[in-house]
Amino acid sequence: MNPLFGKTVVLDTQSSWVYVGTLKGEDERFFHLEQADAFDVSEVTLTKQEYLMKVKRDGLVVNRKRTFVLKNIVTSITVLDDVEDS
């Protein structure tokens, strides 16, 4: 069992999208998130790091009850609490 299950995680991707939510599971192809925010930084003037600092400071704004993120686009997975101020 993945020790990150049940934790709020950040899934950074090869694209401008970043996903923050509770990791509920995974299979061969997908990470399964619940109570998640799927956020495209190309639509704002924030960097991914600035966006994550905002989430840590202000709280997560959920826009997905459940979402499945393709593993092959994920470049890193981090517990939100482990994201450091830049």
C-alpha atoms as a PDB file:
ATOM      1  CA  MET A   1       0.000   0.000   0.000  1.00  0.00           C
ATOM      2  CA  ASN A   2       1.272   3.447  -0.923  1.00  0.00           C
ATOM      3  CA  PRO A   3       2.172   5.479   2.208  1.00  0.00           C
ATOM      4  CA  LEU A   4       0.784   8.611   0.509  1.00  0.00           C
ATOM      5  CA  PHE A   5      -2.783   7.248   0.388  1.00  0.00           C
ATOM      6  CA  GLY A   6      -5.125   9.515   2.334  1.00  0.00           C
ATOM      7  CA  LYS A   7      -2.746  12.495   2.205  1.00  0.00           C
ATOM      8  CA  THR A   8      -3.170  15.740   0.289  1.00  0.00           C
ATOM      9  CA  VAL A   9      -0.674  15.524  -2.547  1.00  0.00           C
ATOM     10  CA  VAL A  10       0.541  17.608  -5.460  1.00  0.00           C
ATOM     11  CA  LEU A  11       0.788  15.900  -8.838  1.00  0.00           C
ATOM     12  CA  ASP A  12       3.017  18.023 -11.049  1.00  0.00           C
ATOM     13  CA  THR A  13       2.804  17.284 -14.753  1.00  0.00           C
ATOM     14  CA  GLN A  14       4.785  17.786 -17.931  1.00  0.00           C
ATOM     15  CA  SER A  15       2.193  20.368 -18.946  1.00  0.00           C
ATOM     16  CA  SER A  16       0.979  23.572 -17.328  1.00  0.00           C
ATOM     17  CA  TRP A  17      -1.523  21.561 -15.270  1.00  0.00           C
ATOM     18  CA  VAL A  18      -1.027  20.767 -11.594  1.00  0.00           C
ATOM     19  CA  TYR A  19      -3.376  18.640  -9.469  1.00  0.00           C
ATOM     20  CA  VAL A  20      -3.796  18.917  -5.705  1.00  0.00           C
ATOM     21  CA  GLY A  21      -6.044  16.543  -3.804  1.00  0.00           C
ATOM     22  CA  THR A  22      -6.369  13.542  -1.539  1.00  0.00           C
ATOM     23  CA  LEU A  23      -4.666  10.486  -3.003  1.00  0.00           C
ATOM     24  CA  LYS A  24      -7.200   7.674  -2.714  1.00  0.00           C
ATOM     25  CA  GLY A  25      -5.623   5.053  -4.911  1.00  0.00           C
ATOM     26  CA  GLU A  26      -3.769   4.155  -8.043  1.00  0.00           C
ATOM     27  CA  ASP A  27      -3.748   1.513 -10.709  1.00  0.00           C
ATOM     28  CA  GLU A  28      -1.466   0.730 -13.628  1.00  0.00           C
ATOM     29  CA  ARG A  29      -2.443   3.889 -15.539  1.00  0.00           C
ATOM     30  CA  PHE A  30      -3.900   6.429 -13.123  1.00  0.00           C
ATOM     31  CA  PHE A  31      -3.528   8.192  -9.793  1.00  0.00           C
ATOM     32  CA  HIS A  32      -6.973   8.545  -8.175  1.00  0.00           C
ATOM     33  CA  LEU A  33      -7.601  11.866  -6.395  1.00  0.00           C
ATOM     34  CA  GLU A  34     -10.648  13.008  -4.442  1.00  0.00           C
ATOM     35  CA  GLN A  35     -11.571  16.508  -3.299  1.00  0.00           C
ATOM     36  CA  ALA A  36      -9.103  17.862  -5.826  1.00  0.00           C
ATOM     37  CA  ASP A  37      -8.195  21.039  -7.642  1.00  0.00           C
ATOM     38  CA  ALA A  38      -7.149  20.679 -11.272  1.00  0.00           C
ATOM     39  CA  PHE A  39      -5.372  23.926 -12.097  1.00  0.00           C
ATOM     40  CA  ASP A  40      -3.879  25.226 -15.353  1.00  0.00           C
ATOM     41  CA  VAL A  41      -1.232  27.859 -14.574  1.00  0.00           C
ATOM     42  CA  SER A  42      -1.186  28.990 -18.219  1.00  0.00           C
ATOM     43  CA  GLU A  43      -4.461  30.801 -17.543  1.00  0.00           C
ATOM     44  CA  VAL A  44      -2.978  33.017 -14.803  1.00  0.00           C
ATOM     45  CA  THR A  45       0.202  34.941 -14.055  1.00  0.00           C
ATOM     46  CA  LEU A  46       1.215  32.592 -11.215  1.00  0.00           C
ATOM     47  CA  THR A  47       3.940  29.971 -11.448  1.00  0.00           C
ATOM     48  CA  LYS A  48       3.186  26.475 -10.176  1.00  0.00           C
ATOM     49  CA  GLN A  49       5.217  27.216  -7.034  1.00  0.00           C
ATOM     50  CA  GLU A  50       3.325  30.471  -6.385  1.00  0.00           C
ATOM     51  CA  TYR A  51       0.035  28.639  -6.861  1.00  0.00           C
ATOM     52  CA  LEU A  52       1.065  25.951  -4.352  1.00  0.00           C
ATOM     53  CA  MET A  53       2.069  28.606  -1.794  1.00  0.00           C
ATOM     54  CA  LYS A  54      -1.380  30.174  -2.241  1.00  0.00           C
ATOM     55  CA  VAL A  55      -3.056  26.791  -1.671  1.00  0.00           C
ATOM     56  CA  LYS A  56      -0.988  26.204   1.487  1.00  0.00           C
ATOM     57  CA  ARG A  57      -1.804  29.698   2.784  1.00  0.00           C
ATOM     58  CA  ASP A  58      -5.481  30.000   1.770  1.00  0.00           C
ATOM     59  CA  GLY A  59      -6.605  26.387   1.528  1.00  0.00           C
ATOM     60  CA  LEU A  60      -7.573  24.140  -1.343  1.00  0.00           C
ATOM     61  CA  VAL A  61     -10.435  25.190  -3.610  1.00  0.00           C
ATOM     62  CA  VAL A  62     -11.991  21.913  -4.739  1.00  0.00           C
ATOM     63  CA  ASN A  63     -13.247  21.804  -8.325  1.00  0.00           C
ATOM     64  CA  ARG A  64     -13.321  18.007  -8.754  1.00  0.00           C
ATOM     65  CA  LYS A  65     -14.984  15.423  -6.470  1.00  0.00           C
ATOM     66  CA  ARG A  66     -12.887  12.738  -8.148  1.00  0.00           C
ATOM     67  CA  THR A  67     -10.304  12.847 -10.863  1.00  0.00           C
ATOM     68  CA  PHE A  68      -7.991  10.318 -12.454  1.00  0.00           C
ATOM     69  CA  VAL A  69      -4.595  11.606 -13.563  1.00  0.00           C
ATOM     70  CA  LEU A  70      -2.570   9.647 -16.097  1.00  0.00           C
ATOM     71  CA  LYS A  71       0.648   8.455 -14.494  1.00  0.00           C
ATOM     72  CA  ASN A  72       2.631   8.932 -17.691  1.00  0.00           C
ATOM     73  CA  ILE A  73       2.175  12.734 -17.560  1.00  0.00           C
ATOM     74  CA  VAL A  74       3.117  13.084 -13.872  1.00  0.00           C
ATOM     75  CA  THR A  75       6.656  14.310 -13.272  1.00  0.00           C
ATOM     76  CA  SER A  76       6.493  14.326  -9.465  1.00  0.00           C
ATOM     77  CA  ILE A  77       4.243  13.594  -6.518  1.00  0.00           C
ATOM     78  CA  THR A  78       4.702  15.504  -3.261  1.00  0.00           C
ATOM     79  CA  VAL A  79       2.757  15.794  -0.030  1.00  0.00           C
ATOM     80  CA  LEU A  80       1.398  19.366   0.001  1.00  0.00           C
ATOM     81  CA  ASP A  81       2.808  19.972   3.494  1.00  0.00           C
ATOM     82  CA  ASP A  82       6.302  19.154   2.140  1.00  0.00           C
ATOM     83  CA  VAL A  83       6.211  21.997  -0.420  1.00  0.00           C
ATOM     84  CA  GLU A  84       8.668  24.653   0.777  1.00  0.00           C
ATOM     85  CA  ASP A  85       8.368  28.402   0.469  1.00  0.00           C
ATOM     86  CA  SER A  86      10.588  29.665  -2.316  1.00  0.00           C
END
